N, C-alpha and C. Protein backbone atom coordinates (compact mmCIF):
# COMPACT_ATOMS: atom_id res chain seq x y z
N MET A 1 0.90 -1.20 0.40
CA MET A 1 -0.15 0.11 0.11
C MET A 1 0.93 1.32 -0.08
N SER A 2 2.07 1.14 0.64
CA SER A 2 2.91 2.40 0.95
C SER A 2 3.30 2.73 -0.78
N THR A 3 3.50 2.21 -1.80
CA THR A 3 3.98 2.56 -2.98
C THR A 3 2.56 3.47 -3.87
N MET A 4 1.06 3.21 -3.48
CA MET A 4 0.12 3.51 -4.00
C MET A 4 -0.22 4.86 -3.57
N LEU A 5 -0.64 5.84 -4.47
CA LEU A 5 -1.23 7.26 -4.55
C LEU A 5 -2.46 7.18 -3.82
N ILE A 6 -2.45 7.90 -2.61
CA ILE A 6 -3.81 7.75 -1.67
C ILE A 6 -4.25 9.39 -1.79
N GLU A 7 -5.37 9.38 -2.03
CA GLU A 7 -5.77 11.02 -2.28
C GLU A 7 -6.73 11.34 -1.21
N PHE A 8 -7.50 12.43 -1.28
CA PHE A 8 -8.50 12.82 -0.66
C PHE A 8 -9.73 12.09 -1.05
N GLY A 9 -10.40 11.47 -0.06
CA GLY A 9 -11.50 10.98 -0.43
C GLY A 9 -11.51 9.40 -0.57
N ALA A 10 -10.08 8.91 -0.49
CA ALA A 10 -10.00 7.54 -0.30
C ALA A 10 -10.51 7.08 0.99
N ILE A 11 -11.46 5.81 0.82
CA ILE A 11 -11.74 4.98 1.91
C ILE A 11 -10.73 4.17 2.10
N ILE A 12 -10.18 3.80 3.58
CA ILE A 12 -9.35 2.78 3.79
C ILE A 12 -9.91 1.88 5.00
N LEU A 13 -9.10 0.79 5.35
CA LEU A 13 -9.43 0.18 6.34
C LEU A 13 -8.21 0.31 7.38
N VAL A 14 -8.39 0.67 8.77
CA VAL A 14 -7.47 0.91 9.68
C VAL A 14 -7.93 0.37 10.89
N ARG A 15 -7.11 0.35 11.95
CA ARG A 15 -7.06 0.53 13.14
C ARG A 15 -7.27 1.95 13.87
N PHE A 16 -8.40 2.60 13.81
CA PHE A 16 -8.21 3.97 14.15
C PHE A 16 -8.22 3.95 15.63
N PRO A 17 -7.40 4.79 16.12
CA PRO A 17 -7.33 5.40 17.67
C PRO A 17 -8.36 5.94 18.25
N PHE A 18 -8.64 5.48 19.62
CA PHE A 18 -9.65 6.32 20.28
C PHE A 18 -8.95 7.61 20.79
N THR A 19 -9.61 8.50 20.84
CA THR A 19 -9.24 10.17 21.26
C THR A 19 -8.54 9.85 22.56
N ASN A 20 -8.60 8.54 23.72
CA ASN A 20 -8.13 8.37 24.71
C ASN A 20 -6.48 8.03 24.20
N GLN A 21 -6.13 7.83 23.06
CA GLN A 21 -4.81 7.19 22.60
C GLN A 21 -4.46 6.15 22.99
N VAL A 22 -5.33 5.42 23.82
CA VAL A 22 -4.91 4.13 24.21
C VAL A 22 -5.43 2.67 23.74
N GLU A 23 -6.47 2.85 23.18
CA GLU A 23 -7.48 1.79 22.29
C GLU A 23 -7.59 2.16 20.95
N ALA A 24 -7.83 1.29 20.20
CA ALA A 24 -8.18 1.42 18.83
C ALA A 24 -8.93 0.44 18.29
N LYS A 25 -9.72 0.75 17.36
CA LYS A 25 -11.08 -0.07 16.56
C LYS A 25 -10.51 -0.39 15.32
N GLN A 26 -10.71 -1.48 14.59
CA GLN A 26 -10.52 -1.50 13.19
C GLN A 26 -11.99 -1.18 12.40
N ARG A 27 -11.58 -0.12 11.39
CA ARG A 27 -12.85 0.61 11.03
C ARG A 27 -12.42 1.25 9.72
N PRO A 28 -13.31 1.73 8.81
CA PRO A 28 -13.08 2.44 7.61
C PRO A 28 -12.76 3.76 7.98
N ALA A 29 -11.99 4.36 7.55
CA ALA A 29 -11.69 5.93 7.59
C ALA A 29 -11.62 6.52 6.12
N VAL A 30 -11.79 7.38 6.06
CA VAL A 30 -11.75 8.73 4.78
C VAL A 30 -10.45 9.69 5.06
N VAL A 31 -9.74 9.54 3.61
CA VAL A 31 -8.00 10.39 3.77
C VAL A 31 -8.73 11.63 3.54
N VAL A 32 -8.56 12.42 4.38
CA VAL A 32 -8.42 13.99 4.36
C VAL A 32 -7.43 14.90 3.70
N SER A 33 -6.11 14.44 3.89
CA SER A 33 -4.96 14.91 3.58
C SER A 33 -4.92 14.92 1.98
N ASN A 34 -4.36 15.60 1.42
CA ASN A 34 -4.71 15.86 -0.11
C ASN A 34 -3.33 15.07 -0.84
N ARG A 35 -3.48 15.14 -2.13
CA ARG A 35 -2.49 14.24 -3.02
C ARG A 35 -0.89 14.80 -2.71
N THR A 36 -0.57 16.24 -2.74
CA THR A 36 0.42 16.82 -2.45
C THR A 36 1.39 16.51 -1.01
N TYR A 37 0.38 16.38 0.09
CA TYR A 37 0.99 16.11 1.48
C TYR A 37 0.94 14.51 1.69
N ASN A 38 0.13 13.69 0.91
CA ASN A 38 0.11 12.27 0.89
C ASN A 38 1.48 11.65 0.09
N ALA A 39 1.79 12.39 -1.03
CA ALA A 39 3.04 12.07 -1.55
C ALA A 39 4.47 12.41 -1.05
N ALA A 40 4.52 13.66 -0.32
CA ALA A 40 5.59 13.75 0.23
C ALA A 40 5.94 13.11 1.82
N ARG A 41 4.95 12.87 2.34
CA ARG A 41 5.14 12.45 3.83
C ARG A 41 4.81 11.09 4.01
N PRO A 42 5.02 10.20 5.05
CA PRO A 42 4.93 8.96 4.94
C PRO A 42 3.73 8.73 5.92
N ASP A 43 3.12 9.79 6.18
CA ASP A 43 1.68 9.52 7.21
C ASP A 43 0.23 10.28 6.31
N LEU A 44 -0.91 9.56 6.76
CA LEU A 44 -2.20 10.20 6.24
C LEU A 44 -2.80 10.96 7.38
N VAL A 45 -3.57 11.87 7.08
CA VAL A 45 -4.42 12.25 7.90
C VAL A 45 -5.77 11.71 7.47
N ILE A 46 -6.66 11.36 8.63
CA ILE A 46 -7.83 10.36 8.13
C ILE A 46 -8.83 10.92 9.33
N MET A 47 -10.14 10.69 8.65
CA MET A 47 -11.51 10.83 9.73
C MET A 47 -11.80 9.67 9.89
N ALA A 48 -12.57 9.27 10.92
CA ALA A 48 -13.39 8.12 11.23
C ALA A 48 -14.73 7.78 10.60
N ILE A 49 -15.06 6.66 10.30
CA ILE A 49 -16.22 6.46 9.55
C ILE A 49 -16.87 5.40 10.53
N THR A 50 -18.55 5.71 10.83
CA THR A 50 -19.13 4.95 11.89
C THR A 50 -20.36 4.39 10.83
N SER A 51 -21.07 3.16 11.12
CA SER A 51 -22.36 2.66 10.69
C SER A 51 -23.58 3.16 11.81
N GLN A 52 -22.89 3.56 12.86
CA GLN A 52 -23.88 4.25 13.76
C GLN A 52 -24.46 5.58 13.35
N VAL A 53 -25.51 5.56 12.40
CA VAL A 53 -26.20 6.56 11.91
C VAL A 53 -27.52 7.39 12.55
N ARG A 54 -27.14 8.69 13.23
CA ARG A 54 -28.21 8.86 13.99
C ARG A 54 -29.25 9.72 13.18
N ALA A 55 -30.41 10.06 14.09
CA ALA A 55 -31.57 10.74 13.25
C ALA A 55 -31.13 11.66 12.64
N THR A 56 -30.10 12.68 13.44
CA THR A 56 -29.92 14.09 13.08
C THR A 56 -28.24 13.81 13.23
N ALA A 57 -27.74 14.21 11.92
CA ALA A 57 -26.43 14.38 11.92
C ALA A 57 -25.77 15.51 13.00
N GLY A 58 -24.70 15.38 13.62
CA GLY A 58 -23.91 16.62 14.51
C GLY A 58 -23.39 17.16 13.64
N LEU A 59 -22.57 18.06 14.60
CA LEU A 59 -21.94 19.18 13.84
C LEU A 59 -20.39 18.46 13.44
N GLY A 60 -20.34 18.76 12.35
CA GLY A 60 -19.27 18.23 11.28
C GLY A 60 -19.25 16.97 10.82
N GLU A 61 -20.25 16.27 11.11
CA GLU A 61 -20.65 15.20 10.33
C GLU A 61 -21.11 14.85 9.15
N VAL A 62 -20.85 13.81 8.70
CA VAL A 62 -21.24 13.79 6.97
C VAL A 62 -21.84 12.28 6.76
N ARG A 63 -23.31 12.34 6.47
CA ARG A 63 -23.77 11.25 5.99
C ARG A 63 -23.43 10.96 4.58
N ILE A 64 -22.81 9.63 4.35
CA ILE A 64 -22.34 9.18 2.97
C ILE A 64 -23.33 8.95 2.31
N ALA A 65 -23.91 9.59 1.03
CA ALA A 65 -25.08 9.38 0.37
C ALA A 65 -24.82 8.19 -0.55
N ASP A 66 -23.66 8.31 -0.98
CA ASP A 66 -23.57 7.21 -1.79
C ASP A 66 -22.39 5.98 -1.47
N TRP A 67 -22.92 5.56 -0.17
CA TRP A 67 -21.95 4.63 0.35
C TRP A 67 -21.66 3.36 -0.04
N GLN A 68 -22.55 2.79 -1.12
CA GLN A 68 -22.45 1.80 -1.99
C GLN A 68 -21.46 2.20 -2.93
N ALA A 69 -21.40 3.00 -3.41
CA ALA A 69 -19.99 3.15 -4.38
C ALA A 69 -18.88 3.41 -3.55
N ALA A 70 -18.78 4.01 -2.58
CA ALA A 70 -17.78 4.09 -1.77
C ALA A 70 -16.77 2.74 -1.16
N ASN A 71 -17.95 1.62 -1.47
CA ASN A 71 -17.42 0.34 -1.16
C ASN A 71 -17.80 0.09 0.55
N LEU A 72 -18.77 0.41 0.96
CA LEU A 72 -19.01 0.48 2.60
C LEU A 72 -19.90 -0.53 2.46
N LEU A 73 -20.02 -1.32 3.56
CA LEU A 73 -21.13 -2.36 3.73
C LEU A 73 -22.42 -1.73 4.16
N LYS A 74 -22.63 -0.70 4.91
CA LYS A 74 -23.98 -0.26 5.08
C LYS A 74 -23.89 1.32 5.27
N PRO A 75 -25.10 1.85 5.51
CA PRO A 75 -25.04 3.35 5.68
C PRO A 75 -24.19 3.80 6.63
N SER A 76 -23.78 4.75 6.40
CA SER A 76 -22.28 5.38 7.07
C SER A 76 -22.14 6.86 7.42
N VAL A 77 -21.45 7.38 8.31
CA VAL A 77 -21.30 8.67 8.74
C VAL A 77 -19.93 8.80 8.66
N ILE A 78 -19.51 10.16 8.45
CA ILE A 78 -18.03 10.39 8.77
C ILE A 78 -18.11 11.32 10.05
N LYS A 79 -17.41 10.81 10.86
CA LYS A 79 -17.23 11.68 12.18
C LYS A 79 -16.00 12.97 12.11
N PRO A 80 -16.43 13.75 12.83
CA PRO A 80 -15.37 14.77 13.15
C PRO A 80 -14.36 14.47 13.82
N VAL A 81 -13.77 13.21 13.54
CA VAL A 81 -12.70 12.64 14.66
C VAL A 81 -11.56 12.56 13.68
N PHE A 82 -10.30 13.08 14.00
CA PHE A 82 -9.32 13.17 13.14
C PHE A 82 -8.09 12.25 13.51
N ALA A 83 -7.07 11.81 13.02
CA ALA A 83 -6.08 11.09 13.21
C ALA A 83 -5.26 11.33 12.42
N THR A 84 -3.66 10.92 12.56
CA THR A 84 -2.83 10.99 11.47
C THR A 84 -2.24 9.60 11.94
N ILE A 85 -2.03 8.95 10.79
CA ILE A 85 -1.55 7.49 11.14
C ILE A 85 -0.47 7.37 10.17
N GLU A 86 0.78 6.40 10.04
CA GLU A 86 1.51 5.93 9.18
C GLU A 86 0.77 5.16 8.12
N ARG A 87 1.41 5.49 7.13
CA ARG A 87 0.72 5.18 5.78
C ARG A 87 0.83 3.29 5.81
N GLY A 88 1.91 2.67 6.62
CA GLY A 88 1.85 1.34 6.83
C GLY A 88 1.10 0.66 7.43
N LEU A 89 0.00 1.63 8.34
CA LEU A 89 -0.77 0.79 9.17
C LEU A 89 -2.37 0.69 8.32
N VAL A 90 -2.17 1.18 7.22
CA VAL A 90 -3.31 1.07 6.30
C VAL A 90 -3.52 -0.95 6.02
N ILE A 91 -4.66 -1.35 6.57
CA ILE A 91 -4.75 -2.49 6.02
C ILE A 91 -5.38 -2.71 4.70
N ARG A 92 -5.98 -1.80 4.34
CA ARG A 92 -6.44 -2.10 2.49
C ARG A 92 -7.33 -0.97 2.33
N SER A 93 -7.44 -0.70 1.21
CA SER A 93 -8.08 0.38 0.61
C SER A 93 -9.56 -0.43 0.01
N LEU A 94 -10.51 0.36 0.45
CA LEU A 94 -11.92 -0.11 0.29
C LEU A 94 -12.61 0.63 -0.95
N GLY A 95 -12.33 2.11 -1.49
CA GLY A 95 -13.06 2.54 -2.35
C GLY A 95 -12.52 3.82 -2.23
N ASN A 96 -13.87 4.67 -2.86
CA ASN A 96 -13.47 6.32 -2.89
C ASN A 96 -14.83 6.74 -2.55
N LEU A 97 -15.12 8.14 -1.97
CA LEU A 97 -16.09 8.72 -1.92
C LEU A 97 -16.35 9.24 -3.41
N GLN A 98 -17.46 9.76 -3.56
CA GLN A 98 -18.19 10.38 -4.99
C GLN A 98 -17.89 11.98 -4.80
N GLU A 99 -18.28 12.75 -5.90
CA GLU A 99 -17.78 13.99 -5.65
C GLU A 99 -18.50 14.57 -4.83
N PRO A 100 -20.06 14.44 -4.93
CA PRO A 100 -21.00 15.09 -4.15
C PRO A 100 -20.53 14.71 -2.66
N ASP A 101 -20.31 13.44 -2.25
CA ASP A 101 -19.79 13.26 -0.56
C ASP A 101 -18.58 13.92 -0.38
N GLN A 102 -17.72 14.06 -1.26
CA GLN A 102 -16.10 14.70 -1.12
C GLN A 102 -16.62 16.26 -0.70
N ALA A 103 -17.66 16.85 -1.61
CA ALA A 103 -17.73 18.35 -1.54
C ALA A 103 -18.41 18.48 0.02
N LEU A 104 -19.38 17.60 0.49
CA LEU A 104 -20.12 17.62 1.39
C LEU A 104 -18.80 17.46 2.79
N LEU A 105 -17.89 16.26 2.60
CA LEU A 105 -16.79 16.43 3.71
C LEU A 105 -15.82 17.76 3.86
N ARG A 106 -15.57 18.37 2.67
CA ARG A 106 -14.74 19.58 2.54
C ARG A 106 -15.64 20.60 3.49
N GLU A 107 -16.99 20.83 3.26
CA GLU A 107 -17.60 21.45 4.14
C GLU A 107 -17.58 21.41 5.53
N ALA A 108 -17.73 20.25 5.99
CA ALA A 108 -18.01 19.42 7.22
C ALA A 108 -16.70 19.84 7.90
N ILE A 109 -15.10 19.79 7.16
CA ILE A 109 -13.89 19.75 7.59
C ILE A 109 -13.73 21.40 7.90
N THR A 110 -14.40 22.33 6.98
CA THR A 110 -14.62 23.53 7.50
C THR A 110 -15.44 24.09 8.47
N ALA A 111 -16.50 23.48 8.46
CA ALA A 111 -17.48 23.85 9.85
C ALA A 111 -16.54 23.55 11.13
N SER A 112 -15.93 22.10 11.04
CA SER A 112 -15.34 21.88 12.27
C SER A 112 -14.04 22.44 12.54
N LEU A 113 -13.32 22.86 11.52
CA LEU A 113 -11.83 23.33 12.02
C LEU A 113 -11.68 25.10 11.43
N GLY A 114 -12.55 25.56 10.81
CA GLY A 114 -12.70 26.74 10.51
C GLY A 114 -11.80 27.17 9.46
């Protein structure tokens, strides 16, 4: 996986760290660092994806409209939880967000980080 160019919107499977930095859970994540960053650095900036879809999305959450095209198993939400991981920790590539979902993700990042 380390030789593959990973871009913004790529869906990957990783052991995503909990915010307590002690535990981790294998789950899909979306790459939010851009092509230039990913080509120059040995790590990736990612956001967590969950299948726990609530009736109302919270601040910075993105419901993935085209979750099937992203190769996810069920309806999913991107959570505003960021992590930086070494590229070697990627278990495998799953798919990619479609353009409309990528646009919503960019808006959510702006809403979360300013």
